[in-house]
N, C-alpha and C. Protein backbone atom coordinates (compact mmCIF):
# COMPACT_ATOMS: atom_id res chain seq x y z
N MET A 1 -17.51 10.19 5.87
CA MET A 1 -16.74 9.14 6.36
C MET A 1 -15.26 9.35 6.11
N ARG A 2 -14.54 8.97 7.12
CA ARG A 2 -13.09 9.14 7.10
C ARG A 2 -12.49 8.25 6.12
N SER A 3 -11.43 8.71 5.33
CA SER A 3 -10.78 7.84 4.43
C SER A 3 -9.33 8.22 4.54
N GLU A 4 -8.53 7.10 4.86
CA GLU A 4 -7.05 7.38 5.18
C GLU A 4 -6.25 6.05 4.89
N VAL A 5 -5.14 6.16 4.38
CA VAL A 5 -4.20 4.99 4.28
C VAL A 5 -2.96 5.41 5.01
N SER A 6 -2.58 4.51 5.94
CA SER A 6 -1.20 4.76 6.56
C SER A 6 -0.29 3.54 6.48
N VAL A 7 0.97 3.84 6.61
CA VAL A 7 1.94 2.79 6.61
C VAL A 7 2.84 3.01 7.81
N GLU A 8 3.10 2.09 8.59
CA GLU A 8 3.97 2.16 9.67
C GLU A 8 5.16 1.25 9.57
N LEU A 9 6.32 1.77 9.58
CA LEU A 9 7.65 0.93 9.37
C LEU A 9 7.99 0.25 10.63
N VAL A 10 8.85 -0.76 10.53
CA VAL A 10 9.26 -1.46 11.64
C VAL A 10 9.94 -0.40 12.62
N THR A 11 10.61 0.59 12.23
CA THR A 11 11.19 1.55 13.10
C THR A 11 10.26 2.44 13.96
N GLY A 12 8.96 2.33 13.48
CA GLY A 12 7.89 3.18 14.21
C GLY A 12 7.65 4.38 13.31
N GLN A 13 8.39 4.62 12.30
CA GLN A 13 8.09 5.82 11.49
C GLN A 13 6.67 5.59 10.75
N ARG A 14 5.88 6.60 10.63
CA ARG A 14 4.54 6.42 10.07
C ARG A 14 4.31 7.48 8.95
N PHE A 15 3.73 6.98 7.86
CA PHE A 15 3.40 7.82 6.78
C PHE A 15 1.87 7.64 6.55
N SER A 16 1.09 8.67 6.32
CA SER A 16 -0.30 8.60 6.13
C SER A 16 -0.69 9.62 5.13
N VAL A 17 -1.83 9.27 4.45
CA VAL A 17 -2.41 10.03 3.52
C VAL A 17 -3.93 10.09 3.78
N ASP A 18 -4.39 11.35 3.80
CA ASP A 18 -5.90 11.51 3.91
C ASP A 18 -6.51 11.69 2.63
N LEU A 19 -7.44 10.72 2.34
CA LEU A 19 -7.97 10.63 0.90
C LEU A 19 -9.42 11.24 0.90
N GLU A 20 -9.72 11.98 1.93
CA GLU A 20 -11.01 12.53 2.08
C GLU A 20 -11.40 13.46 0.76
N GLU A 21 -10.45 14.23 0.32
CA GLU A 21 -10.77 15.21 -0.78
C GLU A 21 -9.98 14.66 -2.17
N VAL A 22 -9.65 13.46 -2.10
CA VAL A 22 -8.81 12.96 -3.27
C VAL A 22 -9.74 12.14 -4.17
N GLN A 23 -9.54 12.20 -5.46
CA GLN A 23 -10.30 11.45 -6.50
C GLN A 23 -9.97 10.04 -6.29
N PRO A 24 -10.98 9.13 -6.25
CA PRO A 24 -10.58 7.67 -6.12
C PRO A 24 -10.05 7.14 -7.38
N MET A 25 -9.22 6.11 -7.14
CA MET A 25 -8.71 5.47 -8.40
C MET A 25 -9.66 4.24 -8.67
N PRO A 26 -9.92 4.05 -9.97
CA PRO A 26 -10.76 2.85 -10.39
C PRO A 26 -10.11 1.61 -9.95
N HIS A 27 -10.91 0.58 -9.59
CA HIS A 27 -10.45 -0.64 -9.06
C HIS A 27 -9.46 -1.22 -9.99
N ASP A 28 -9.67 -1.48 -11.19
CA ASP A 28 -8.81 -2.12 -12.20
C ASP A 28 -7.52 -1.32 -12.38
N GLN A 29 -7.58 -0.01 -12.47
CA GLN A 29 -6.45 0.72 -12.51
C GLN A 29 -5.51 0.48 -11.19
N ALA A 30 -6.23 0.43 -10.06
CA ALA A 30 -5.47 0.28 -8.77
C ALA A 30 -4.74 -1.05 -8.85
N ARG A 31 -5.40 -2.15 -9.34
CA ARG A 31 -4.67 -3.44 -9.42
C ARG A 31 -3.49 -3.35 -10.33
N GLN A 32 -3.67 -2.68 -11.41
CA GLN A 32 -2.54 -2.52 -12.43
C GLN A 32 -1.34 -1.79 -11.82
N TRP A 33 -1.72 -0.67 -11.08
CA TRP A 33 -0.61 0.02 -10.53
C TRP A 33 0.12 -0.69 -9.43
N LEU A 34 -0.66 -1.38 -8.65
CA LEU A 34 0.05 -2.34 -7.69
C LEU A 34 0.91 -3.40 -8.31
N ASP A 35 0.39 -4.04 -9.43
CA ASP A 35 1.10 -5.04 -10.06
C ASP A 35 2.39 -4.46 -10.63
N ALA A 36 2.34 -3.25 -11.26
CA ALA A 36 3.44 -2.65 -11.81
C ALA A 36 4.47 -2.29 -10.76
N GLN A 37 4.12 -1.75 -9.60
CA GLN A 37 5.06 -1.45 -8.50
C GLN A 37 5.69 -2.65 -7.94
N PHE A 38 4.88 -3.81 -7.80
CA PHE A 38 5.47 -5.00 -7.36
C PHE A 38 6.52 -5.50 -8.23
N THR A 39 6.40 -5.40 -9.54
CA THR A 39 7.36 -5.88 -10.53
C THR A 39 8.59 -4.81 -10.48
N GLN A 40 8.29 -3.60 -10.52
CA GLN A 40 9.28 -2.52 -10.65
C GLN A 40 10.24 -2.48 -9.41
N LEU A 41 9.67 -2.76 -8.27
CA LEU A 41 10.42 -2.79 -6.93
C LEU A 41 10.98 -4.11 -6.69
N GLU A 42 10.81 -5.15 -7.70
CA GLU A 42 11.43 -6.37 -7.49
C GLU A 42 10.96 -7.10 -6.29
N CYS A 43 9.77 -7.01 -5.91
CA CYS A 43 9.17 -7.67 -4.74
C CYS A 43 9.13 -9.09 -4.87
N GLU A 44 9.19 -9.79 -3.76
CA GLU A 44 9.18 -11.30 -3.68
C GLU A 44 7.91 -11.79 -3.06
N PRO A 45 7.36 -12.77 -3.40
CA PRO A 45 6.18 -13.32 -2.87
C PRO A 45 6.47 -13.61 -1.26
N LEU A 46 5.58 -13.31 -0.38
CA LEU A 46 5.80 -13.46 0.98
C LEU A 46 5.49 -14.94 1.45
N ARG A 47 4.70 -15.71 0.69
CA ARG A 47 4.35 -17.10 1.05
C ARG A 47 5.27 -18.12 0.29
N ALA A 48 5.59 -19.15 0.99
CA ALA A 48 6.38 -20.18 0.29
C ALA A 48 5.81 -20.85 -0.92
N THR A 49 4.47 -20.83 -1.02
CA THR A 49 3.82 -21.31 -2.07
C THR A 49 3.96 -20.52 -3.39
N GLY A 50 4.44 -19.20 -3.15
CA GLY A 50 4.57 -18.32 -4.38
C GLY A 50 3.24 -17.58 -4.71
N LYS A 51 2.19 -17.90 -4.01
CA LYS A 51 0.90 -17.23 -4.29
C LYS A 51 1.05 -15.84 -3.66
N VAL A 52 0.50 -14.75 -4.36
CA VAL A 52 0.56 -13.46 -3.93
C VAL A 52 -0.87 -12.92 -3.65
N LEU A 53 -1.18 -12.83 -2.42
CA LEU A 53 -2.52 -12.28 -2.11
C LEU A 53 -2.29 -10.75 -2.09
N LEU A 54 -3.48 -10.07 -2.30
CA LEU A 54 -3.48 -8.69 -2.44
C LEU A 54 -2.84 -7.95 -1.32
N VAL A 55 -3.23 -8.44 0.02
CA VAL A 55 -2.60 -7.86 1.18
C VAL A 55 -1.10 -8.11 1.25
N ASP A 56 -0.73 -9.33 0.86
CA ASP A 56 0.76 -9.56 0.78
C ASP A 56 1.40 -8.67 -0.13
N LYS A 57 0.83 -8.35 -1.32
CA LYS A 57 1.39 -7.50 -2.36
C LYS A 57 1.58 -6.04 -1.70
N LEU A 58 0.53 -5.57 -1.01
CA LEU A 58 0.62 -4.30 -0.32
C LEU A 58 1.77 -4.24 0.63
N ILE A 59 1.89 -5.30 1.41
CA ILE A 59 2.98 -5.29 2.40
C ILE A 59 4.34 -5.26 1.72
N ALA A 60 4.44 -6.09 0.73
CA ALA A 60 5.80 -6.20 0.04
C ALA A 60 6.18 -4.92 -0.67
N ILE A 61 5.15 -4.33 -1.27
CA ILE A 61 5.42 -2.98 -1.86
C ILE A 61 5.86 -1.95 -0.87
N ALA A 62 5.15 -1.82 0.25
CA ALA A 62 5.43 -0.86 1.32
C ALA A 62 6.91 -1.16 1.80
N GLN A 63 7.22 -2.45 2.05
CA GLN A 63 8.57 -2.78 2.54
C GLN A 63 9.62 -2.34 1.48
N ALA A 64 9.45 -2.66 0.23
CA ALA A 64 10.49 -2.35 -0.77
C ALA A 64 10.50 -0.82 -1.00
N ALA A 65 9.38 -0.21 -0.81
CA ALA A 65 9.41 1.33 -0.99
C ALA A 65 10.22 1.95 0.10
N GLY A 66 10.12 1.49 1.29
CA GLY A 66 11.01 2.11 2.38
C GLY A 66 10.70 3.56 2.56
N PRO A 67 11.43 4.20 3.42
CA PRO A 67 11.05 5.58 3.79
C PRO A 67 11.40 6.51 2.61
N SER A 68 12.33 6.16 1.68
CA SER A 68 12.49 7.07 0.51
C SER A 68 11.39 7.24 -0.35
N LEU A 69 10.72 6.18 -0.89
CA LEU A 69 9.58 6.33 -1.70
C LEU A 69 8.32 6.74 -0.86
N LEU A 70 8.24 6.16 0.41
CA LEU A 70 6.95 6.50 1.21
C LEU A 70 7.08 8.11 1.60
N GLY A 71 8.26 8.62 1.50
CA GLY A 71 8.53 10.04 1.74
C GLY A 71 8.17 10.91 0.60
N ASP A 72 8.13 10.27 -0.57
CA ASP A 72 7.71 11.10 -1.83
C ASP A 72 6.21 11.22 -1.80
N ALA A 73 5.81 12.38 -1.62
CA ALA A 73 4.32 12.72 -1.50
C ALA A 73 3.43 12.15 -2.67
N GLN A 74 3.88 12.30 -3.79
CA GLN A 74 3.13 11.84 -5.01
C GLN A 74 3.00 10.25 -5.08
N TRP A 75 4.13 9.69 -4.79
CA TRP A 75 4.18 8.14 -4.79
C TRP A 75 3.29 7.59 -3.64
N LEU A 76 3.43 8.24 -2.46
CA LEU A 76 2.64 7.92 -1.27
C LEU A 76 1.15 8.01 -1.70
N ALA A 77 0.81 9.14 -2.30
CA ALA A 77 -0.57 9.39 -2.62
C ALA A 77 -1.19 8.32 -3.50
N ASP A 78 -0.34 7.98 -4.61
CA ASP A 78 -0.74 6.90 -5.64
C ASP A 78 -0.91 5.61 -4.91
N PHE A 79 0.05 5.26 -4.04
CA PHE A 79 -0.01 4.03 -3.25
C PHE A 79 -1.34 3.96 -2.35
N ALA A 80 -1.60 5.11 -1.78
CA ALA A 80 -2.72 5.08 -0.86
C ALA A 80 -4.04 5.00 -1.70
N ARG A 81 -3.98 5.66 -2.82
CA ARG A 81 -5.32 5.61 -3.68
C ARG A 81 -5.46 4.16 -4.24
N ALA A 82 -4.30 3.57 -4.64
CA ALA A 82 -4.44 2.22 -5.20
C ALA A 82 -4.78 1.22 -4.09
N ALA A 83 -4.24 1.30 -2.85
CA ALA A 83 -4.56 0.36 -1.81
C ALA A 83 -5.96 0.42 -1.41
N SER A 84 -6.57 1.71 -1.24
CA SER A 84 -7.99 1.93 -0.79
C SER A 84 -8.78 1.33 -1.87
N ALA A 85 -8.56 1.58 -3.20
CA ALA A 85 -9.44 1.14 -4.19
C ALA A 85 -9.33 -0.43 -4.43
N ALA A 86 -8.21 -0.90 -4.39
CA ALA A 86 -8.03 -2.38 -4.55
C ALA A 86 -8.74 -3.26 -3.47
N LEU A 87 -8.59 -2.74 -2.27
CA LEU A 87 -9.15 -3.33 -1.10
C LEU A 87 -10.63 -2.89 -0.94
N ALA A 88 -11.10 -1.84 -1.65
CA ALA A 88 -12.44 -1.29 -1.43
C ALA A 88 -12.70 -1.04 0.06
N LYS A 89 -11.72 -0.38 0.70
CA LYS A 89 -11.84 0.07 2.10
C LYS A 89 -11.45 1.51 2.18
N PRO A 90 -12.23 2.24 3.01
CA PRO A 90 -11.83 3.66 3.12
C PRO A 90 -10.67 3.85 4.00
N VAL A 91 -10.35 2.98 5.00
CA VAL A 91 -9.35 3.16 5.98
C VAL A 91 -8.49 1.90 5.92
N VAL A 92 -7.21 2.03 5.61
CA VAL A 92 -6.26 0.91 5.45
C VAL A 92 -5.03 1.29 6.26
N ARG A 93 -4.67 0.36 7.06
CA ARG A 93 -3.40 0.51 7.86
C ARG A 93 -2.47 -0.60 7.53
N VAL A 94 -1.30 -0.28 7.11
CA VAL A 94 -0.25 -1.21 6.77
C VAL A 94 0.77 -1.18 7.92
N ASP A 95 0.90 -2.29 8.67
CA ASP A 95 1.75 -2.35 9.73
C ASP A 95 2.94 -3.27 9.39
N LEU A 96 4.12 -2.75 9.00
CA LEU A 96 5.23 -3.68 8.62
C LEU A 96 5.88 -4.32 9.69
N GLY A 97 5.88 -3.88 10.95
CA GLY A 97 6.32 -4.54 12.11
C GLY A 97 5.61 -5.88 12.33
N ALA A 98 4.30 -5.77 12.27
CA ALA A 98 3.51 -6.98 12.38
C ALA A 98 3.13 -7.73 11.14
N MET A 99 3.61 -7.17 10.00
CA MET A 99 3.37 -7.81 8.72
C MET A 99 1.88 -8.09 8.59
N ALA A 100 1.09 -6.90 8.84
CA ALA A 100 -0.37 -7.11 8.81
C ALA A 100 -1.06 -5.79 8.24
N ILE A 101 -2.22 -5.97 7.80
CA ILE A 101 -3.01 -4.92 7.24
C ILE A 101 -4.41 -5.00 7.96
N SER A 102 -4.77 -3.84 8.42
CA SER A 102 -6.04 -3.76 9.09
C SER A 102 -6.95 -2.67 8.39
N TYR A 103 -8.24 -2.79 8.57
CA TYR A 103 -9.16 -1.90 7.81
C TYR A 103 -9.94 -1.03 8.93
C-alpha cells in the first residue's frame, strides 16, 4: 500500500515524503509533536471559536513552516510521519491554497 504525505503551497510549490520504508510514529507521540510545533511556530487557531481541529492544526503548521522548514528534509519527514500517524491515514495531502486536507 502506498504511503505518502504531501504539502502544496499557495505558490504551487510541492513538498512530499514517501513513507513506504519509514518507521511509523506512534499516535500519541505524533499528537505531541504536532502540539509542540503548533506552539513553537506560534500558530493561531483557524476558526473564530478558537477550537483547533487536528486538520486545522496540520494546515496551520504547514503554513507557518513555509518553504524554509518544509525544505528541511528531517523536519518534513517528522511532519509527514506525525501527520500520517495522527490522522491514521497512509496518504495525506495538505493543500494550503484550498486550506484543505485530503486522504
